[in-house]
Amino acid sequence: MTRARTYASNDHASKWGPFALRNPASHRQAQAEINAGAQRNSGVLLVEALLSILVLSVAIAAAARSFTYAARTHRTLKNYLTALRLAEEKMAALEAAHRIEEVKASGAFEKPYTSFAWNFEIEDMTPPRPKEEEDQTQAKSASIFYKVHLRVTWKARDERGLSLDTLMMKKQEETEDENQETPSPRADHP
């Protein structure tokens, strides 16, 4: 009960209860200690803030680099898939051709694929026939084999390309029939 009387006699003490300081000078001293501690801690807070900014900037730089790498990889993959589709179309056109006349050829694709170019080489891979077979009628139906090497290139930062190799077979009588049945162009058709 002595405590209660001490607090009751002090106006400041009645306001703050048991946590009140009895002496105003000690209150000022306590406030000065709190302010001094806050000043010491302000340097620590500054270092913590700088470290957190550093960690965040490293994380953001890593994320930006990964996004750039992903975009470059996407563009490269898109070019490879386009080149593969164009190479398959060109190879199908070569296979559908009745005659294979050119040994080497090159060119560029039409719009919208003007940044892509193609070239191919055709090599006769037919094995030599024995002389006795040349006189027989089976020699007419023999097959001719061709090795076709097709390359599709495009320009990115450096030149990149995709190659397809295949073997084609044409029957010799087909090629001989085409040589004999080649229609002459008519005057009324350009």
N, C-alpha and C. Protein backbone atom coordinates (compact mmCIF):
# COMPACT_ATOMS: atom_id res chain seq x y z
N MET A 1 0.79 -1.19 0.00
CA MET A 1 0.00 0.00 0.00
C MET A 1 0.84 1.27 0.00
N THR A 2 2.04 1.16 0.37
CA THR A 2 2.88 2.34 0.34
C THR A 2 3.14 2.77 -1.09
N ARG A 3 3.17 1.84 -1.96
CA ARG A 3 3.35 2.19 -3.37
C ARG A 3 2.17 2.99 -3.90
N ALA A 4 1.04 2.58 -3.56
CA ALA A 4 -0.14 3.26 -4.06
C ALA A 4 -0.15 4.72 -3.60
N ARG A 5 0.24 4.95 -2.37
CA ARG A 5 0.27 6.32 -1.90
C ARG A 5 1.32 7.14 -2.62
N THR A 6 2.44 6.52 -2.97
CA THR A 6 3.49 7.25 -3.65
C THR A 6 3.01 7.66 -5.03
N TYR A 7 2.32 6.79 -5.70
CA TYR A 7 1.82 7.11 -7.03
C TYR A 7 0.70 8.12 -6.99
N ALA A 8 -0.10 8.01 -5.96
CA ALA A 8 -1.23 8.91 -5.85
C ALA A 8 -0.79 10.34 -5.58
N SER A 9 0.33 10.49 -4.92
CA SER A 9 0.77 11.83 -4.60
C SER A 9 1.44 12.51 -5.79
N ASN A 10 1.89 11.76 -6.74
CA ASN A 10 2.58 12.32 -7.91
C ASN A 10 1.60 12.36 -9.08
N ASP A 11 1.36 13.54 -9.68
CA ASP A 11 0.43 13.65 -10.81
C ASP A 11 0.93 12.85 -12.01
N HIS A 12 2.21 12.92 -12.21
CA HIS A 12 2.81 12.19 -13.33
C HIS A 12 2.66 10.68 -13.12
N ALA A 13 2.78 10.26 -11.88
CA ALA A 13 2.69 8.84 -11.55
C ALA A 13 1.28 8.33 -11.73
N SER A 14 0.27 9.13 -11.45
CA SER A 14 -1.10 8.67 -11.61
C SER A 14 -1.42 8.44 -13.08
N LYS A 15 -0.78 9.18 -13.95
CA LYS A 15 -1.03 9.04 -15.37
C LYS A 15 -0.41 7.75 -15.92
N TRP A 16 0.80 7.39 -15.47
CA TRP A 16 1.52 6.25 -16.03
C TRP A 16 1.49 5.01 -15.15
N GLY A 17 0.98 5.06 -13.99
CA GLY A 17 0.88 3.91 -13.11
C GLY A 17 2.23 3.47 -12.60
N PRO A 18 2.47 2.16 -12.50
CA PRO A 18 3.72 1.67 -11.91
C PRO A 18 4.92 1.91 -12.81
N PHE A 19 4.73 2.30 -14.08
CA PHE A 19 5.84 2.51 -15.01
C PHE A 19 6.34 3.96 -15.00
N ALA A 20 5.77 4.77 -14.20
CA ALA A 20 6.13 6.18 -14.18
C ALA A 20 7.46 6.39 -13.48
N LEU A 21 8.19 7.39 -13.92
CA LEU A 21 9.43 7.78 -13.27
C LEU A 21 9.11 8.82 -12.21
N ARG A 22 9.71 8.68 -11.10
CA ARG A 22 9.38 9.58 -10.00
C ARG A 22 10.10 10.91 -10.15
N ASN A 23 11.26 10.92 -10.72
CA ASN A 23 12.06 12.12 -10.77
C ASN A 23 12.10 12.61 -12.22
N PRO A 24 11.71 13.84 -12.51
CA PRO A 24 11.76 14.35 -13.87
C PRO A 24 13.17 14.38 -14.43
N ALA A 25 14.18 14.54 -13.59
CA ALA A 25 15.56 14.54 -14.08
C ALA A 25 15.93 13.15 -14.58
N SER A 26 15.49 12.12 -13.88
CA SER A 26 15.76 10.75 -14.34
C SER A 26 14.99 10.46 -15.63
N HIS A 27 13.85 11.10 -15.80
CA HIS A 27 13.08 10.96 -17.03
C HIS A 27 13.86 11.53 -18.22
N ARG A 28 14.46 12.69 -18.02
CA ARG A 28 15.28 13.28 -19.07
C ARG A 28 16.49 12.41 -19.38
N GLN A 29 17.08 11.88 -18.36
CA GLN A 29 18.24 11.01 -18.54
C GLN A 29 17.85 9.75 -19.31
N ALA A 30 16.71 9.16 -18.98
CA ALA A 30 16.24 7.96 -19.68
C ALA A 30 15.94 8.28 -21.14
N GLN A 31 15.35 9.44 -21.39
CA GLN A 31 15.05 9.85 -22.76
C GLN A 31 16.34 10.05 -23.55
N ALA A 32 17.36 10.61 -22.92
CA ALA A 32 18.65 10.81 -23.58
C ALA A 32 19.30 9.47 -23.91
N GLU A 33 19.17 8.48 -23.02
CA GLU A 33 19.71 7.14 -23.28
C GLU A 33 18.98 6.48 -24.46
N ILE A 34 17.67 6.66 -24.52
CA ILE A 34 16.88 6.09 -25.62
C ILE A 34 17.30 6.73 -26.95
N ASN A 35 17.46 8.05 -26.95
CA ASN A 35 17.88 8.74 -28.17
C ASN A 35 19.29 8.32 -28.60
N ALA A 36 20.20 8.15 -27.63
CA ALA A 36 21.56 7.73 -27.96
C ALA A 36 21.55 6.32 -28.55
N GLY A 37 20.72 5.43 -28.04
CA GLY A 37 20.60 4.07 -28.58
C GLY A 37 20.01 4.09 -29.98
N ALA A 38 19.08 4.99 -30.22
CA ALA A 38 18.49 5.09 -31.56
C ALA A 38 19.52 5.59 -32.57
N GLN A 39 20.39 6.51 -32.14
CA GLN A 39 21.43 6.99 -33.04
C GLN A 39 22.44 5.89 -33.36
N ARG A 40 22.77 5.07 -32.36
CA ARG A 40 23.67 3.95 -32.62
C ARG A 40 23.03 2.95 -33.56
N ASN A 41 21.76 2.70 -33.43
CA ASN A 41 21.05 1.74 -34.27
C ASN A 41 20.80 2.27 -35.67
N SER A 42 20.80 3.57 -35.86
CA SER A 42 20.55 4.12 -37.20
C SER A 42 21.65 3.71 -38.16
N GLY A 43 22.87 3.59 -37.73
CA GLY A 43 23.97 3.12 -38.59
C GLY A 43 23.78 1.67 -38.97
N VAL A 44 23.30 0.86 -38.05
CA VAL A 44 23.04 -0.55 -38.34
C VAL A 44 21.91 -0.68 -39.34
N LEU A 45 20.88 0.11 -39.19
CA LEU A 45 19.76 0.07 -40.13
C LEU A 45 20.21 0.47 -41.53
N LEU A 46 21.10 1.43 -41.63
CA LEU A 46 21.60 1.86 -42.93
C LEU A 46 22.38 0.73 -43.61
N VAL A 47 23.22 0.03 -42.86
CA VAL A 47 23.97 -1.10 -43.42
C VAL A 47 23.03 -2.22 -43.84
N GLU A 48 22.03 -2.50 -43.03
CA GLU A 48 21.04 -3.53 -43.39
C GLU A 48 20.29 -3.15 -44.66
N ALA A 49 19.94 -1.89 -44.80
CA ALA A 49 19.22 -1.44 -46.00
C ALA A 49 20.11 -1.57 -47.23
N LEU A 50 21.39 -1.19 -47.10
CA LEU A 50 22.31 -1.31 -48.24
C LEU A 50 22.52 -2.77 -48.63
N LEU A 51 22.64 -3.65 -47.66
CA LEU A 51 22.80 -5.08 -47.96
C LEU A 51 21.55 -5.65 -48.64
N SER A 52 20.39 -5.26 -48.19
CA SER A 52 19.17 -5.77 -48.82
C SER A 52 19.03 -5.24 -50.26
N ILE A 53 19.43 -4.00 -50.50
CA ILE A 53 19.41 -3.45 -51.86
C ILE A 53 20.39 -4.21 -52.75
N LEU A 54 21.56 -4.54 -52.20
CA LEU A 54 22.55 -5.30 -52.96
C LEU A 54 22.03 -6.68 -53.32
N VAL A 55 21.42 -7.38 -52.38
CA VAL A 55 20.88 -8.71 -52.64
C VAL A 55 19.76 -8.64 -53.68
N LEU A 56 18.89 -7.65 -53.56
CA LEU A 56 17.81 -7.49 -54.54
C LEU A 56 18.34 -7.18 -55.93
N SER A 57 19.36 -6.34 -56.02
CA SER A 57 19.90 -6.01 -57.35
C SER A 57 20.55 -7.21 -57.99
N VAL A 58 21.23 -8.06 -57.23
CA VAL A 58 21.81 -9.29 -57.79
C VAL A 58 20.71 -10.22 -58.26
N ALA A 59 19.65 -10.35 -57.50
CA ALA A 59 18.54 -11.22 -57.88
C ALA A 59 17.84 -10.69 -59.14
N ILE A 60 17.65 -9.39 -59.23
CA ILE A 60 17.00 -8.81 -60.41
C ILE A 60 17.88 -8.97 -61.64
N ALA A 61 19.19 -8.79 -61.48
CA ALA A 61 20.11 -8.97 -62.61
C ALA A 61 20.09 -10.42 -63.10
N ALA A 62 20.06 -11.37 -62.19
CA ALA A 62 20.00 -12.78 -62.58
C ALA A 62 18.69 -13.10 -63.29
N ALA A 63 17.59 -12.55 -62.81
CA ALA A 63 16.30 -12.78 -63.46
C ALA A 63 16.26 -12.16 -64.85
N ALA A 64 16.81 -10.97 -65.00
CA ALA A 64 16.84 -10.32 -66.32
C ALA A 64 17.69 -11.12 -67.29
N ARG A 65 18.81 -11.63 -66.83
CA ARG A 65 19.68 -12.43 -67.70
C ARG A 65 18.98 -13.72 -68.12
N SER A 66 18.25 -14.35 -67.22
CA SER A 66 17.55 -15.58 -67.58
C SER A 66 16.43 -15.30 -68.57
N PHE A 67 15.74 -14.16 -68.45
CA PHE A 67 14.71 -13.80 -69.43
C PHE A 67 15.33 -13.56 -70.80
N THR A 68 16.48 -12.89 -70.84
CA THR A 68 17.17 -12.65 -72.11
C THR A 68 17.59 -13.97 -72.74
N TYR A 69 18.13 -14.86 -71.94
CA TYR A 69 18.56 -16.17 -72.44
C TYR A 69 17.36 -16.96 -72.97
N ALA A 70 16.24 -16.90 -72.25
CA ALA A 70 15.04 -17.61 -72.68
C ALA A 70 14.51 -17.05 -74.00
N ALA A 71 14.54 -15.74 -74.17
CA ALA A 71 14.08 -15.12 -75.42
C ALA A 71 14.99 -15.52 -76.58
N ARG A 72 16.31 -15.54 -76.37
CA ARG A 72 17.25 -15.93 -77.42
C ARG A 72 17.05 -17.41 -77.79
N THR A 73 16.86 -18.26 -76.80
CA THR A 73 16.62 -19.68 -77.04
C THR A 73 15.32 -19.89 -77.81
N HIS A 74 14.30 -19.14 -77.47
CA HIS A 74 13.02 -19.24 -78.18
C HIS A 74 13.18 -18.85 -79.65
N ARG A 75 13.90 -17.77 -79.91
CA ARG A 75 14.11 -17.31 -81.28
C ARG A 75 14.92 -18.34 -82.08
N THR A 76 15.95 -18.92 -81.46
CA THR A 76 16.77 -19.93 -82.14
C THR A 76 15.94 -21.17 -82.44
N LEU A 77 15.16 -21.61 -81.49
CA LEU A 77 14.32 -22.78 -81.70
C LEU A 77 13.28 -22.53 -82.79
N LYS A 78 12.72 -21.34 -82.82
CA LYS A 78 11.75 -20.99 -83.86
C LYS A 78 12.41 -21.03 -85.24
N ASN A 79 13.65 -20.53 -85.35
CA ASN A 79 14.36 -20.58 -86.63
C ASN A 79 14.68 -22.01 -87.04
N TYR A 80 15.09 -22.85 -86.09
CA TYR A 80 15.37 -24.25 -86.41
C TYR A 80 14.12 -24.97 -86.90
N LEU A 81 12.99 -24.73 -86.24
CA LEU A 81 11.75 -25.39 -86.66
C LEU A 81 11.31 -24.91 -88.04
N THR A 82 11.46 -23.62 -88.31
CA THR A 82 11.13 -23.08 -89.63
C THR A 82 12.06 -23.68 -90.68
N ALA A 83 13.35 -23.76 -90.38
CA ALA A 83 14.30 -24.35 -91.33
C ALA A 83 13.99 -25.81 -91.59
N LEU A 84 13.61 -26.54 -90.56
CA LEU A 84 13.26 -27.95 -90.73
C LEU A 84 12.04 -28.11 -91.63
N ARG A 85 11.03 -27.29 -91.42
CA ARG A 85 9.82 -27.36 -92.25
C ARG A 85 10.15 -27.00 -93.70
N LEU A 86 10.96 -25.96 -93.91
CA LEU A 86 11.34 -25.56 -95.27
C LEU A 86 12.19 -26.64 -95.94
N ALA A 87 13.09 -27.27 -95.18
CA ALA A 87 13.92 -28.34 -95.74
C ALA A 87 13.06 -29.54 -96.13
N GLU A 88 12.09 -29.88 -95.31
CA GLU A 88 11.20 -31.00 -95.65
C GLU A 88 10.39 -30.69 -96.91
N GLU A 89 9.92 -29.45 -97.04
CA GLU A 89 9.18 -29.07 -98.25
C GLU A 89 10.07 -29.14 -99.48
N LYS A 90 11.30 -28.67 -99.37
CA LYS A 90 12.23 -28.70 -100.51
C LYS A 90 12.60 -30.14 -100.87
N MET A 91 12.78 -30.98 -99.87
CA MET A 91 13.11 -32.39 -100.11
C MET A 91 11.93 -33.10 -100.77
N ALA A 92 10.72 -32.78 -100.35
CA ALA A 92 9.53 -33.38 -100.98
C ALA A 92 9.42 -32.94 -102.43
N ALA A 93 9.76 -31.68 -102.73
CA ALA A 93 9.72 -31.22 -104.12
C ALA A 93 10.78 -31.95 -104.95
N LEU A 94 11.94 -32.21 -104.38
CA LEU A 94 12.97 -32.96 -105.11
C LEU A 94 12.54 -34.40 -105.35
N GLU A 95 11.91 -35.02 -104.37
CA GLU A 95 11.44 -36.39 -104.52
C GLU A 95 10.32 -36.48 -105.56
N ALA A 96 9.49 -35.47 -105.63
CA ALA A 96 8.38 -35.48 -106.57
C ALA A 96 8.82 -35.20 -108.01
N ALA A 97 9.99 -34.62 -108.17
CA ALA A 97 10.48 -34.31 -109.51
C ALA A 97 10.72 -35.61 -110.28
N HIS A 98 10.29 -35.63 -111.54
CA HIS A 98 10.47 -36.83 -112.35
C HIS A 98 11.90 -36.94 -112.83
N ARG A 99 12.51 -35.83 -113.06
CA ARG A 99 13.90 -35.80 -113.50
C ARG A 99 14.76 -35.12 -112.46
N ILE A 100 15.94 -35.61 -112.35
CA ILE A 100 16.90 -34.93 -111.50
C ILE A 100 18.05 -34.54 -112.42
N GLU A 101 18.07 -33.29 -112.82
CA GLU A 101 19.05 -32.84 -113.81
C GLU A 101 20.24 -32.13 -113.17
N GLU A 102 19.98 -31.36 -112.16
CA GLU A 102 21.05 -30.53 -111.60
C GLU A 102 21.85 -31.33 -110.58
N VAL A 103 23.13 -31.18 -110.61
CA VAL A 103 23.98 -31.83 -109.64
C VAL A 103 24.15 -30.95 -108.41
N LYS A 104 24.25 -29.64 -108.61
CA LYS A 104 24.31 -28.68 -107.51
C LYS A 104 23.38 -27.53 -107.82
N ALA A 105 22.69 -27.04 -106.78
CA ALA A 105 21.81 -25.88 -106.96
C ALA A 105 21.70 -25.15 -105.62
N SER A 106 21.36 -23.88 -105.70
CA SER A 106 21.14 -23.09 -104.49
C SER A 106 20.16 -21.97 -104.81
N GLY A 107 19.60 -21.40 -103.75
CA GLY A 107 18.65 -20.31 -103.93
C GLY A 107 18.14 -19.84 -102.59
N ALA A 108 17.18 -18.93 -102.65
CA ALA A 108 16.56 -18.39 -101.43
C ALA A 108 15.08 -18.71 -101.46
N PHE A 109 14.49 -18.77 -100.29
CA PHE A 109 13.06 -19.02 -100.20
C PHE A 109 12.30 -17.73 -100.43
N GLU A 110 11.03 -17.88 -100.79
CA GLU A 110 10.19 -16.71 -101.05
C GLU A 110 9.67 -16.13 -99.75
N LYS A 111 9.01 -14.95 -99.86
CA LYS A 111 8.44 -14.29 -98.69
C LYS A 111 7.51 -15.26 -97.99
N PRO A 112 7.43 -15.26 -96.74
CA PRO A 112 8.05 -14.46 -95.68
C PRO A 112 9.36 -15.05 -95.17
N TYR A 113 9.95 -15.97 -95.92
CA TYR A 113 11.16 -16.67 -95.45
C TYR A 113 12.39 -16.21 -96.22
N THR A 114 12.50 -14.94 -96.49
CA THR A 114 13.61 -14.44 -97.30
C THR A 114 14.95 -14.49 -96.56
N SER A 115 14.93 -14.64 -95.26
CA SER A 115 16.20 -14.74 -94.53
C SER A 115 16.75 -16.17 -94.56
N PHE A 116 16.03 -17.09 -95.16
CA PHE A 116 16.46 -18.49 -95.27
C PHE A 116 16.91 -18.78 -96.70
N ALA A 117 17.98 -19.54 -96.82
CA ALA A 117 18.50 -19.93 -98.14
C ALA A 117 18.69 -21.45 -98.15
N TRP A 118 18.75 -22.02 -99.35
CA TRP A 118 18.93 -23.47 -99.48
C TRP A 118 20.01 -23.76 -100.52
N ASN A 119 20.62 -24.92 -100.38
CA ASN A 119 21.49 -25.44 -101.42
C ASN A 119 21.49 -26.96 -101.31
N PHE A 120 21.62 -27.62 -102.44
CA PHE A 120 21.66 -29.08 -102.41
C PHE A 120 22.67 -29.59 -103.41
N GLU A 121 23.13 -30.81 -103.15
CA GLU A 121 24.03 -31.53 -104.03
C GLU A 121 23.45 -32.91 -104.24
N ILE A 122 23.44 -33.34 -105.50
CA ILE A 122 22.93 -34.66 -105.83
C ILE A 122 24.09 -35.47 -106.41
N GLU A 123 24.27 -36.66 -105.88
CA GLU A 123 25.36 -37.52 -106.32
C GLU A 123 24.76 -38.87 -106.73
N ASP A 124 25.19 -39.37 -107.87
CA ASP A 124 24.72 -40.67 -108.34
C ASP A 124 25.40 -41.76 -107.53
N MET A 125 24.61 -42.59 -106.88
CA MET A 125 25.13 -43.66 -106.03
C MET A 125 24.83 -45.05 -106.60
N THR A 126 24.45 -45.11 -107.87
CA THR A 126 24.11 -46.39 -108.49
C THR A 126 25.36 -47.26 -108.60
N PRO A 127 25.28 -48.50 -108.11
CA PRO A 127 26.45 -49.38 -108.23
C PRO A 127 26.66 -49.76 -109.70
N PRO A 128 27.89 -49.95 -110.10
CA PRO A 128 28.13 -50.34 -111.49
C PRO A 128 27.57 -51.74 -111.76
N ARG A 129 27.01 -51.93 -112.98
CA ARG A 129 26.42 -53.22 -113.36
C ARG A 129 27.46 -54.07 -114.09
N PRO A 130 27.37 -55.37 -113.91
CA PRO A 130 28.24 -56.24 -114.70
C PRO A 130 27.88 -56.14 -116.19
N LYS A 131 28.85 -56.39 -117.07
CA LYS A 131 28.65 -56.24 -118.50
C LYS A 131 27.62 -57.20 -119.05
N GLU A 132 27.50 -58.37 -118.48
CA GLU A 132 26.53 -59.35 -119.02
C GLU A 132 25.10 -58.90 -118.80
N GLU A 133 24.83 -58.07 -117.76
CA GLU A 133 23.48 -57.59 -117.50
C GLU A 133 23.08 -56.49 -118.46
N GLU A 134 24.00 -55.82 -119.05
CA GLU A 134 23.68 -54.70 -119.92
C GLU A 134 22.89 -55.14 -121.15
N ASP A 135 23.10 -56.36 -121.60
CA ASP A 135 22.41 -56.85 -122.78
C ASP A 135 21.01 -57.33 -122.48
N GLN A 136 20.70 -57.65 -121.27
CA GLN A 136 19.40 -58.23 -120.94
C GLN A 136 18.35 -57.13 -120.77
N THR A 137 17.10 -57.53 -120.83
CA THR A 137 16.00 -56.58 -120.68
C THR A 137 15.84 -56.11 -119.24
N GLN A 138 16.38 -56.85 -118.28
CA GLN A 138 16.28 -56.42 -116.89
C GLN A 138 17.08 -55.16 -116.63
N ALA A 139 18.05 -54.92 -117.46
CA ALA A 139 18.86 -53.72 -117.28
C ALA A 139 18.02 -52.46 -117.46
N LYS A 140 16.97 -52.58 -118.27
CA LYS A 140 16.09 -51.43 -118.47
C LYS A 140 15.29 -51.08 -117.22
N SER A 141 14.94 -52.08 -116.43
CA SER A 141 14.13 -51.82 -115.24
C SER A 141 14.98 -51.64 -113.98
N ALA A 142 16.28 -51.54 -114.14
CA ALA A 142 17.14 -51.33 -112.97
C ALA A 142 16.88 -49.95 -112.37
N SER A 143 17.23 -49.82 -111.12
CA SER A 143 17.00 -48.56 -110.40
C SER A 143 18.27 -47.73 -110.36
N ILE A 144 18.07 -46.42 -110.31
CA ILE A 144 19.17 -45.48 -110.17
C ILE A 144 19.04 -44.86 -108.78
N PHE A 145 20.14 -44.85 -108.03
CA PHE A 145 20.13 -44.31 -106.68
C PHE A 145 20.87 -42.98 -106.67
N TYR A 146 20.28 -42.04 -105.94
CA TYR A 146 20.87 -40.72 -105.80
C TYR A 146 21.02 -40.40 -104.31
N LYS A 147 22.13 -39.81 -103.96
CA LYS A 147 22.32 -39.29 -102.61
C LYS A 147 22.08 -37.79 -102.70
N VAL A 148 21.17 -37.30 -101.86
CA VAL A 148 20.83 -35.87 -101.86
C VAL A 148 21.24 -35.27 -100.52
N HIS A 149 22.03 -34.23 -100.59
CA HIS A 149 22.43 -33.48 -99.39
C HIS A 149 21.81 -32.08 -99.51
N LEU A 150 20.88 -31.76 -98.62
CA LEU A 150 20.18 -30.47 -98.63
C LEU A 150 20.55 -29.71 -97.37
N ARG A 151 20.88 -28.45 -97.53
CA ARG A 151 21.22 -27.59 -96.39
C ARG A 151 20.40 -26.31 -96.47
N VAL A 152 19.75 -25.98 -95.36
CA VAL A 152 19.00 -24.73 -95.22
C VAL A 152 19.74 -23.87 -94.21
N THR A 153 20.07 -22.64 -94.60
CA THR A 153 20.81 -21.74 -93.72
C THR A 153 20.01 -20.47 -93.47
N TRP A 154 20.33 -19.80 -92.39
CA TRP A 154 19.75 -18.50 -92.09
C TRP A 154 20.77 -17.69 -91.32
N LYS A 155 20.56 -16.39 -91.36
CA LYS A 155 21.49 -15.47 -90.70
C LYS A 155 20.85 -15.00 -89.40
N ALA A 156 21.49 -15.33 -88.30
CA ALA A 156 21.10 -14.79 -87.00
C ALA A 156 22.24 -13.85 -86.61
N ARG A 157 22.88 -14.04 -85.48
CA ARG A 157 24.09 -13.27 -85.19
C ARG A 157 25.23 -13.81 -86.04
N ASP A 158 25.23 -15.11 -86.23
CA ASP A 158 26.17 -15.76 -87.14
C ASP A 158 25.34 -16.67 -88.04
N GLU A 159 25.96 -17.22 -89.05
CA GLU A 159 25.18 -18.05 -89.96
C GLU A 159 24.95 -19.42 -89.33
N ARG A 160 23.72 -19.84 -89.35
CA ARG A 160 23.35 -21.14 -88.79
C ARG A 160 22.70 -21.95 -89.89
N GLY A 161 22.66 -23.25 -89.70
CA GLY A 161 22.09 -24.08 -90.74
C GLY A 161 21.60 -25.41 -90.23
N LEU A 162 20.89 -26.08 -91.12
CA LEU A 162 20.31 -27.39 -90.85
C LEU A 162 20.51 -28.23 -92.09
N SER A 163 20.98 -29.46 -91.95
CA SER A 163 21.25 -30.31 -93.10
C SER A 163 20.39 -31.56 -93.06
N LEU A 164 19.93 -31.97 -94.22
CA LEU A 164 19.21 -33.23 -94.38
C LEU A 164 19.90 -34.04 -95.47
N ASP A 165 20.11 -35.31 -95.23
CA ASP A 165 20.68 -36.21 -96.22
C ASP A 165 19.71 -37.36 -96.42
N THR A 166 19.55 -37.76 -97.67
CA THR A 166 18.66 -38.89 -97.96
C THR A 166 19.13 -39.59 -99.23
N LEU A 167 18.62 -40.77 -99.45
CA LEU A 167 18.84 -41.51 -100.69
C LEU A 167 17.53 -41.56 -101.44
N MET A 168 17.59 -41.32 -102.74
CA MET A 168 16.40 -41.40 -103.60
C MET A 168 16.62 -42.50 -104.62
N MET A 169 15.53 -43.12 -104.99
CA MET A 169 15.61 -44.17 -105.99
C MET A 169 14.63 -43.84 -107.12
N LYS A 170 15.12 -43.90 -108.34
CA LYS A 170 14.28 -43.72 -109.53
C LYS A 170 14.51 -44.95 -110.40
N LYS A 171 13.44 -45.47 -110.95
CA LYS A 171 13.59 -46.59 -111.87
C LYS A 171 14.13 -46.06 -113.18
N GLN A 172 15.02 -46.81 -113.77
CA GLN A 172 15.67 -46.35 -115.00
C GLN A 172 14.67 -46.23 -116.14
N GLU A 173 13.70 -47.11 -116.19
CA GLU A 173 12.72 -47.01 -117.29
C GLU A 173 11.87 -45.76 -117.15
N GLU A 174 11.64 -45.30 -115.92
CA GLU A 174 10.92 -44.04 -115.73
C GLU A 174 11.71 -42.89 -116.32
N THR A 175 13.01 -42.87 -116.05
CA THR A 175 13.82 -41.77 -116.55
C THR A 175 13.97 -41.84 -118.07
N GLU A 176 14.02 -43.07 -118.63
CA GLU A 176 14.12 -43.20 -120.09
C GLU A 176 12.81 -42.80 -120.75
N ASP A 177 11.67 -43.19 -120.14
CA ASP A 177 10.36 -42.81 -120.69
C ASP A 177 10.21 -41.29 -120.68
N GLU A 178 10.67 -40.65 -119.63
CA GLU A 178 10.58 -39.20 -119.56
C GLU A 178 11.43 -38.54 -120.63
N ASN A 179 12.57 -39.12 -120.92
CA ASN A 179 13.42 -38.56 -121.98
C ASN A 179 12.73 -38.67 -123.33
N GLN A 180 11.98 -39.74 -123.56
CA GLN A 180 11.32 -39.93 -124.85
C GLN A 180 10.02 -39.15 -124.94
N GLU A 181 9.30 -39.01 -123.84
CA GLU A 181 7.98 -38.40 -123.88
C GLU A 181 7.98 -36.94 -123.46
N THR A 182 9.06 -36.27 -123.52
CA THR A 182 9.10 -34.86 -123.13
C THR A 182 8.30 -34.06 -124.15
N PRO A 183 7.17 -33.47 -123.74
CA PRO A 183 6.35 -32.71 -124.69
C PRO A 183 7.03 -31.40 -125.04
N SER A 184 6.87 -31.01 -126.27
CA SER A 184 7.42 -29.72 -126.69
C SER A 184 6.43 -28.63 -126.27
N PRO A 185 6.93 -27.51 -125.82
CA PRO A 185 6.03 -26.44 -125.40
C PRO A 185 5.20 -25.92 -126.58
N ARG A 186 3.92 -25.71 -126.29
CA ARG A 186 3.03 -25.22 -127.34
C ARG A 186 3.13 -23.70 -127.41
N ALA A 187 2.85 -23.19 -128.58
CA ALA A 187 3.02 -21.76 -128.82
C ALA A 187 1.96 -20.94 -128.07
N ASP A 188 0.75 -21.54 -127.87
CA ASP A 188 -0.31 -20.76 -127.25
C ASP A 188 -0.21 -20.72 -125.73
N HIS A 189 0.70 -21.50 -125.13
CA HIS A 189 0.89 -21.48 -123.69
C HIS A 189 2.29 -20.98 -123.37
N PRO A 190 2.40 -19.99 -122.51
CA PRO A 190 3.73 -19.45 -122.18
C PRO A 190 4.51 -20.40 -121.32
